[in-house]
């Protein structure tokens, strides 16, 4: 028996909790045991978004993904971010993961947009 919502199988819909868990694992794998190093930030952010995309695509859902990553050194400065989308809330979704260690912050946003089949 196939359960459908908005014309999509429920198993094909974006699951923010599942995506957040995957992203957290990718962040931990790339920067989980290191201190902030300005010379490594570009490599880290590229690794986090590439690994996150790879893991999300492996889910095999009919979704297009956009992944954004910011890494900032802990220095007492403020960091404010905002995202906005105009989309179909029944099929599309997003999640944001905030991660930190003693020397840096990492914020990753994932946007998932359904592909009409």
N, C-alpha and C. Protein backbone atom coordinates (compact mmCIF):
# COMPACT_ATOMS: atom_id res chain seq x y z
N UNK A 1 0.84 -1.18 0.00
CA UNK A 1 0.00 0.00 0.00
C UNK A 1 0.89 1.25 0.00
N UNK A 2 0.64 2.15 -0.89
CA UNK A 2 1.44 3.36 -1.05
C UNK A 2 0.70 4.54 -0.44
N UNK A 3 1.32 5.22 0.50
CA UNK A 3 0.71 6.40 1.12
C UNK A 3 1.20 7.63 0.37
N UNK A 4 0.25 8.49 -0.05
CA UNK A 4 0.60 9.66 -0.85
C UNK A 4 0.15 10.94 -0.15
N UNK A 5 0.92 12.00 -0.35
CA UNK A 5 0.58 13.32 0.15
C UNK A 5 0.94 14.31 -0.94
N UNK A 6 0.01 15.14 -1.33
CA UNK A 6 0.22 16.13 -2.39
C UNK A 6 0.74 15.47 -3.67
N UNK A 7 0.30 14.23 -3.92
CA UNK A 7 0.71 13.54 -5.13
C UNK A 7 2.05 12.84 -5.05
N UNK A 8 2.72 12.91 -3.90
CA UNK A 8 4.03 12.29 -3.72
C UNK A 8 3.92 11.18 -2.69
N UNK A 9 4.68 10.11 -2.90
CA UNK A 9 4.79 9.09 -1.86
C UNK A 9 5.42 9.74 -0.64
N UNK A 10 4.92 9.42 0.55
CA UNK A 10 5.47 10.02 1.76
C UNK A 10 6.97 9.77 1.90
N UNK A 11 7.44 8.62 1.43
CA UNK A 11 8.86 8.31 1.54
C UNK A 11 9.71 9.22 0.65
N UNK A 12 9.09 9.93 -0.30
CA UNK A 12 9.82 10.84 -1.19
C UNK A 12 9.90 12.26 -0.64
N UNK A 13 9.16 12.57 0.42
CA UNK A 13 9.14 13.92 0.95
C UNK A 13 10.39 14.20 1.78
N UNK A 14 10.75 15.47 1.87
CA UNK A 14 11.91 15.90 2.63
C UNK A 14 11.66 15.68 4.12
N UNK A 15 12.64 15.10 4.78
CA UNK A 15 12.57 14.86 6.22
C UNK A 15 13.68 15.70 6.86
N UNK A 16 13.30 16.80 7.49
CA UNK A 16 14.28 17.74 8.05
C UNK A 16 15.14 17.11 9.13
N UNK A 17 14.56 16.25 9.95
CA UNK A 17 15.33 15.60 11.02
C UNK A 17 16.40 14.67 10.42
N UNK A 18 16.00 13.90 9.43
CA UNK A 18 16.94 13.00 8.75
C UNK A 18 18.07 13.79 8.10
N UNK A 19 17.73 14.88 7.41
CA UNK A 19 18.74 15.71 6.75
C UNK A 19 19.67 16.36 7.77
N UNK A 20 19.12 16.86 8.87
CA UNK A 20 19.94 17.49 9.92
C UNK A 20 20.94 16.51 10.50
N UNK A 21 20.50 15.28 10.74
CA UNK A 21 21.41 14.26 11.27
C UNK A 21 22.55 13.98 10.30
N UNK A 22 22.23 13.91 9.01
CA UNK A 22 23.27 13.65 8.00
C UNK A 22 24.27 14.80 7.95
N UNK A 23 23.76 16.02 7.99
CA UNK A 23 24.64 17.20 7.93
C UNK A 23 25.54 17.24 9.16
N UNK A 24 24.99 16.96 10.33
CA UNK A 24 25.81 16.95 11.56
C UNK A 24 26.95 15.95 11.43
N UNK A 25 26.67 14.78 10.88
CA UNK A 25 27.73 13.78 10.68
C UNK A 25 28.80 14.30 9.72
N UNK A 26 28.39 14.99 8.68
CA UNK A 26 29.36 15.54 7.72
C UNK A 26 30.22 16.62 8.37
N UNK A 27 29.59 17.49 9.15
CA UNK A 27 30.35 18.53 9.84
C UNK A 27 31.37 17.90 10.78
N UNK A 28 30.91 16.94 11.58
CA UNK A 28 31.82 16.27 12.52
C UNK A 28 32.97 15.59 11.79
N UNK A 29 32.68 15.00 10.64
CA UNK A 29 33.72 14.33 9.88
C UNK A 29 34.77 15.27 9.31
N UNK A 30 34.37 16.49 9.00
CA UNK A 30 35.29 17.44 8.39
C UNK A 30 36.02 18.30 9.43
N UNK A 31 35.28 18.85 10.40
CA UNK A 31 35.92 19.78 11.35
C UNK A 31 35.73 19.41 12.81
N UNK A 32 35.25 18.22 13.06
CA UNK A 32 34.93 17.83 14.43
C UNK A 32 36.08 17.83 15.40
N UNK A 33 37.29 17.63 14.92
CA UNK A 33 38.43 17.51 15.83
C UNK A 33 39.53 18.54 15.57
N UNK A 34 39.19 19.64 14.91
CA UNK A 34 40.21 20.63 14.58
C UNK A 34 39.88 21.99 15.18
N UNK A 35 40.89 22.83 15.29
CA UNK A 35 40.71 24.21 15.71
C UNK A 35 40.61 25.09 14.47
N UNK A 36 40.00 26.26 14.65
CA UNK A 36 39.84 27.19 13.54
C UNK A 36 41.19 27.53 12.92
N UNK A 37 41.22 27.51 11.59
CA UNK A 37 42.42 27.88 10.84
C UNK A 37 41.96 28.56 9.56
N UNK A 38 42.18 29.85 9.47
CA UNK A 38 41.72 30.63 8.32
C UNK A 38 42.14 30.01 6.99
N UNK A 39 43.32 29.43 6.94
CA UNK A 39 43.83 28.84 5.70
C UNK A 39 43.08 27.58 5.28
N UNK A 40 42.31 26.99 6.16
CA UNK A 40 41.60 25.74 5.86
C UNK A 40 40.10 25.93 5.61
N UNK A 41 39.57 27.13 5.88
CA UNK A 41 38.12 27.34 5.84
C UNK A 41 37.51 27.00 4.48
N UNK A 42 38.12 27.44 3.39
CA UNK A 42 37.56 27.14 2.06
C UNK A 42 37.49 25.64 1.82
N UNK A 43 38.52 24.92 2.22
CA UNK A 43 38.53 23.46 2.07
C UNK A 43 37.45 22.83 2.94
N UNK A 44 37.30 23.31 4.16
CA UNK A 44 36.30 22.76 5.07
C UNK A 44 34.88 22.98 4.55
N UNK A 45 34.57 24.23 4.15
CA UNK A 45 33.21 24.51 3.69
C UNK A 45 32.88 23.71 2.44
N UNK A 46 33.84 23.61 1.52
CA UNK A 46 33.62 22.80 0.31
C UNK A 46 33.39 21.34 0.68
N UNK A 47 34.18 20.82 1.60
CA UNK A 47 34.02 19.42 2.02
C UNK A 47 32.68 19.16 2.68
N UNK A 48 32.25 20.10 3.52
CA UNK A 48 30.96 19.93 4.22
C UNK A 48 29.81 19.93 3.23
N UNK A 49 29.78 20.90 2.30
CA UNK A 49 28.65 20.94 1.36
C UNK A 49 28.69 19.76 0.39
N UNK A 50 29.88 19.38 -0.07
CA UNK A 50 29.96 18.25 -1.00
C UNK A 50 29.55 16.94 -0.33
N UNK A 51 30.03 16.70 0.89
CA UNK A 51 29.66 15.47 1.59
C UNK A 51 28.17 15.46 1.94
N UNK A 52 27.64 16.62 2.35
CA UNK A 52 26.21 16.70 2.66
C UNK A 52 25.37 16.39 1.43
N UNK A 53 25.72 17.01 0.30
CA UNK A 53 24.98 16.74 -0.94
C UNK A 53 25.05 15.27 -1.33
N UNK A 54 26.23 14.69 -1.23
CA UNK A 54 26.40 13.27 -1.57
C UNK A 54 25.49 12.40 -0.73
N UNK A 55 25.44 12.66 0.57
CA UNK A 55 24.61 11.85 1.46
C UNK A 55 23.12 12.07 1.19
N UNK A 56 22.72 13.30 0.95
CA UNK A 56 21.31 13.59 0.66
C UNK A 56 20.86 12.92 -0.64
N UNK A 57 21.69 12.99 -1.67
CA UNK A 57 21.34 12.38 -2.96
C UNK A 57 21.21 10.87 -2.82
N UNK A 58 22.02 10.26 -1.96
CA UNK A 58 21.95 8.80 -1.74
C UNK A 58 20.59 8.36 -1.21
N UNK A 59 19.81 9.28 -0.65
CA UNK A 59 18.48 8.92 -0.17
C UNK A 59 17.55 8.54 -1.32
N UNK A 60 17.89 8.96 -2.53
CA UNK A 60 17.11 8.58 -3.70
C UNK A 60 15.75 9.24 -3.79
N UNK A 61 15.59 10.39 -3.18
CA UNK A 61 14.30 11.09 -3.23
C UNK A 61 14.27 12.02 -4.44
N UNK A 62 13.09 12.25 -5.02
CA UNK A 62 12.99 13.14 -6.19
C UNK A 62 13.04 14.61 -5.75
N UNK A 63 14.21 15.01 -5.26
CA UNK A 63 14.40 16.36 -4.74
C UNK A 63 15.67 16.96 -5.32
N UNK A 64 15.65 18.26 -5.52
CA UNK A 64 16.87 19.01 -5.83
C UNK A 64 17.30 19.65 -4.52
N UNK A 65 18.61 19.67 -4.27
CA UNK A 65 19.12 20.20 -3.01
C UNK A 65 20.02 21.40 -3.24
N UNK A 66 19.94 22.33 -2.32
CA UNK A 66 20.86 23.46 -2.24
C UNK A 66 21.43 23.43 -0.83
N UNK A 67 22.76 23.46 -0.72
CA UNK A 67 23.41 23.41 0.60
C UNK A 67 24.34 24.61 0.72
N UNK A 68 24.22 25.33 1.82
CA UNK A 68 25.03 26.51 2.09
C UNK A 68 25.74 26.30 3.42
N UNK A 69 27.02 26.66 3.49
CA UNK A 69 27.80 26.47 4.72
C UNK A 69 28.58 27.74 5.05
N UNK A 70 28.53 28.14 6.31
CA UNK A 70 29.34 29.26 6.81
C UNK A 70 30.13 28.77 8.01
N UNK A 71 31.42 29.08 8.03
CA UNK A 71 32.28 28.77 9.17
C UNK A 71 32.85 30.10 9.67
N UNK A 72 32.74 30.32 10.97
CA UNK A 72 33.20 31.58 11.56
C UNK A 72 34.00 31.31 12.82
N UNK A 73 35.11 32.00 12.94
CA UNK A 73 35.94 31.88 14.14
C UNK A 73 35.20 32.49 15.32
N UNK A 74 35.31 31.84 16.48
CA UNK A 74 34.74 32.40 17.70
C UNK A 74 35.63 33.54 18.17
N UNK A 75 35.08 34.74 18.13
CA UNK A 75 35.86 35.91 18.53
C UNK A 75 35.03 36.91 19.31
N UNK A 76 33.79 36.56 19.59
CA UNK A 76 32.90 37.47 20.28
C UNK A 76 32.05 38.31 19.34
N UNK A 77 32.34 38.27 18.05
CA UNK A 77 31.56 39.03 17.07
C UNK A 77 30.22 38.33 16.84
N UNK A 78 29.23 39.09 16.47
CA UNK A 78 27.91 38.53 16.20
C UNK A 78 27.83 37.95 14.80
N UNK A 79 26.98 36.96 14.64
CA UNK A 79 26.71 36.38 13.33
C UNK A 79 25.20 36.18 13.23
N UNK A 80 24.61 36.81 12.24
CA UNK A 80 23.17 36.71 12.03
C UNK A 80 22.93 36.25 10.60
N UNK A 81 22.09 35.26 10.43
CA UNK A 81 21.76 34.78 9.10
C UNK A 81 20.25 34.65 8.98
N UNK A 82 19.76 34.70 7.75
CA UNK A 82 18.33 34.51 7.49
C UNK A 82 18.19 33.86 6.12
N UNK A 83 17.17 33.05 5.98
CA UNK A 83 16.85 32.41 4.71
C UNK A 83 15.37 32.58 4.46
N UNK A 84 15.00 32.68 3.21
CA UNK A 84 13.60 32.77 2.86
C UNK A 84 13.39 32.07 1.52
N UNK A 85 12.25 31.43 1.37
CA UNK A 85 11.94 30.73 0.13
C UNK A 85 10.48 30.93 -0.24
N UNK A 86 10.21 30.95 -1.52
CA UNK A 86 8.85 30.93 -2.03
C UNK A 86 8.69 29.60 -2.73
N UNK A 87 7.94 28.68 -2.10
CA UNK A 87 7.85 27.34 -2.64
C UNK A 87 6.58 26.65 -2.17
N UNK A 88 6.46 25.39 -2.51
CA UNK A 88 5.31 24.59 -2.11
C UNK A 88 5.63 23.90 -0.79
N UNK A 89 5.03 24.38 0.28
CA UNK A 89 5.34 23.85 1.61
C UNK A 89 4.86 22.41 1.81
N UNK A 90 4.04 21.90 0.91
CA UNK A 90 3.61 20.50 1.05
C UNK A 90 4.66 19.52 0.54
N UNK A 91 5.56 19.98 -0.33
CA UNK A 91 6.54 19.06 -0.92
C UNK A 91 7.99 19.48 -0.71
N UNK A 92 8.22 20.76 -0.47
CA UNK A 92 9.57 21.28 -0.34
C UNK A 92 9.88 21.54 1.14
N UNK A 93 11.15 21.65 1.46
CA UNK A 93 11.50 21.88 2.86
C UNK A 93 12.91 22.37 3.04
N UNK A 94 13.23 22.67 4.29
CA UNK A 94 14.58 23.13 4.60
C UNK A 94 14.91 22.78 6.04
N UNK A 95 16.19 22.86 6.34
CA UNK A 95 16.65 22.72 7.72
C UNK A 95 17.95 23.49 7.86
N UNK A 96 18.23 23.92 9.06
CA UNK A 96 19.49 24.61 9.35
C UNK A 96 20.12 23.94 10.55
N UNK A 97 21.41 23.64 10.42
CA UNK A 97 22.17 23.00 11.50
C UNK A 97 23.19 24.00 12.02
N UNK A 98 23.16 24.22 13.32
CA UNK A 98 24.16 25.08 13.97
C UNK A 98 25.06 24.17 14.79
N UNK A 99 26.36 24.27 14.54
CA UNK A 99 27.34 23.42 15.22
C UNK A 99 28.45 24.31 15.72
N UNK A 100 29.06 23.94 16.83
CA UNK A 100 30.19 24.71 17.32
C UNK A 100 31.15 23.85 18.11
N UNK A 101 32.40 24.30 18.15
CA UNK A 101 33.37 23.73 19.07
C UNK A 101 33.99 24.92 19.81
N UNK A 102 35.09 24.73 20.46
CA UNK A 102 35.62 25.82 21.28
C UNK A 102 36.22 26.97 20.48
N UNK A 103 36.49 26.76 19.16
CA UNK A 103 37.15 27.80 18.37
C UNK A 103 36.34 28.32 17.19
N UNK A 104 35.23 27.68 16.84
CA UNK A 104 34.48 28.14 15.66
C UNK A 104 33.01 27.72 15.70
N UNK A 105 32.26 28.40 14.85
CA UNK A 105 30.86 28.07 14.60
C UNK A 105 30.74 27.59 13.16
N UNK A 106 29.78 26.71 12.93
CA UNK A 106 29.48 26.26 11.58
C UNK A 106 27.96 26.25 11.44
N UNK A 107 27.46 26.90 10.41
CA UNK A 107 26.02 26.92 10.14
C UNK A 107 25.80 26.40 8.72
N UNK A 108 25.00 25.35 8.62
CA UNK A 108 24.70 24.75 7.32
C UNK A 108 23.19 24.79 7.10
N UNK A 109 22.78 25.31 5.96
CA UNK A 109 21.37 25.32 5.58
C UNK A 109 21.18 24.40 4.38
N UNK A 110 20.13 23.61 4.44
CA UNK A 110 19.77 22.71 3.34
C UNK A 110 18.38 23.08 2.86
N UNK A 111 18.24 23.22 1.56
CA UNK A 111 16.94 23.47 0.93
C UNK A 111 16.66 22.31 0.00
N UNK A 112 15.45 21.78 0.06
CA UNK A 112 15.06 20.65 -0.78
C UNK A 112 13.80 21.04 -1.56
N UNK A 113 13.88 20.91 -2.88
CA UNK A 113 12.77 21.29 -3.75
C UNK A 113 12.35 20.06 -4.54
N UNK A 114 11.07 19.73 -4.47
CA UNK A 114 10.56 18.53 -5.13
C UNK A 114 10.62 18.66 -6.65
N UNK A 115 10.95 17.54 -7.28
CA UNK A 115 10.96 17.44 -8.73
C UNK A 115 9.66 16.75 -9.13
N UNK A 116 8.86 17.41 -9.94
CA UNK A 116 7.60 16.81 -10.38
C UNK A 116 7.90 15.66 -11.33
N UNK A 117 7.39 14.48 -10.98
CA UNK A 117 7.63 13.29 -11.81
C UNK A 117 6.46 13.01 -12.72
